[in-house]
Amino acid sequence: MDIKELRKLSDAELKTKIRETKEELFTKRMQQANGTLEKPTELRTLRKNVAKMKTILKERELDGGNK
C-alpha cells in the first residue's frame, strides 16, 4: 500500500488496517513454518506496511491532530 493512500485514512481505519495486517502476517508466518509459503518476501512487505502505519499514527499523535 502506498504511503499517500495510508495518510488519507483516519486513525480508526489505520488501527483496523494494522490489526488486519498483523493477522495476515501471523498467517504467513505459520505458512512459512509449515513450508507452504510461496513468496517469502511477503513477510518483509507486511512488516514494513505495519511500520508505515504505526509511523503515521505516531506522527499524528505528536502533531496533536492539527492537520
Protein backbone atom coordinates (compact mmCIF):
# COMPACT_ATOMS: atom_id res chain seq x y z
CA MET A 1 0.00 0.00 0.00
CA ASP A 2 1.29 3.43 -0.92
CA ILE A 3 2.12 5.92 1.83
CA LYS A 4 -0.14 8.55 0.23
CA GLU A 5 -3.09 6.19 0.43
CA LEU A 6 -2.33 5.41 4.08
CA ARG A 7 -2.16 9.10 5.01
CA LYS A 8 -5.71 9.60 3.67
CA LEU A 9 -7.11 7.07 6.16
CA SER A 10 -8.46 8.12 9.55
CA ASP A 11 -6.87 6.96 12.80
CA ALA A 12 -9.57 4.35 13.36
CA GLU A 13 -9.16 3.00 9.84
CA LEU A 14 -5.38 2.82 10.30
CA LYS A 15 -5.75 0.89 13.56
CA THR A 16 -8.12 -1.55 11.86
CA LYS A 17 -5.72 -1.91 8.95
CA ILE A 18 -2.81 -2.58 11.34
CA ARG A 19 -4.80 -5.32 13.08
CA GLU A 20 -5.73 -6.94 9.77
CA THR A 21 -2.16 -6.77 8.50
CA LYS A 22 -0.82 -8.33 11.72
CA GLU A 23 -3.32 -11.16 11.37
CA GLU A 24 -2.19 -11.72 7.79
CA LEU A 25 1.44 -11.64 8.92
CA PHE A 26 0.69 -14.30 11.53
CA THR A 27 -0.92 -16.49 8.87
CA LYS A 28 2.10 -16.06 6.59
CA ARG A 29 4.47 -16.97 9.43
CA MET A 30 2.53 -20.16 10.02
CA GLN A 31 2.74 -20.96 6.31
CA GLN A 32 6.49 -20.37 6.44
CA ALA A 33 6.82 -22.72 9.41
CA ASN A 34 4.87 -25.39 7.51
CA GLY A 35 6.90 -24.82 4.36
CA THR A 36 3.92 -23.76 2.26
CA LEU A 37 4.78 -20.06 1.87
CA GLU A 38 5.33 -19.34 -1.81
CA LYS A 39 6.69 -15.77 -1.58
CA PRO A 40 8.93 -15.21 1.46
CA THR A 41 9.23 -11.54 0.55
CA GLU A 42 5.59 -11.07 1.61
CA LEU A 43 6.71 -11.23 5.24
CA ARG A 44 9.05 -8.28 4.79
CA THR A 45 6.42 -6.30 2.89
CA LEU A 46 3.79 -6.87 5.58
CA ARG A 47 6.19 -5.88 8.38
CA LYS A 48 7.11 -2.70 6.52
CA ASN A 49 3.44 -1.85 5.96
CA VAL A 50 2.73 -2.20 9.69
CA ALA A 51 5.70 0.05 10.45
CA LYS A 52 4.47 2.68 7.97
CA MET A 53 1.01 2.73 9.53
CA LYS A 54 2.38 2.95 13.07
CA THR A 55 4.67 5.80 12.00
CA ILE A 56 1.74 7.74 10.57
CA LEU A 57 -0.24 7.27 13.80
CA LYS A 58 2.72 8.41 15.90
CA GLU A 59 3.26 11.48 13.69
CA ARG A 60 -0.37 12.44 14.14
CA GLU A 61 -0.14 11.90 17.91
CA LEU A 62 2.95 14.09 18.20
CA ASP A 63 1.43 16.74 15.94
CA GLY A 64 -1.62 16.84 18.17
CA GLY A 65 -4.01 16.22 15.31
CA ASN A 66 -3.52 19.72 13.89
CA LYS A 67 -3.66 18.56 10.27
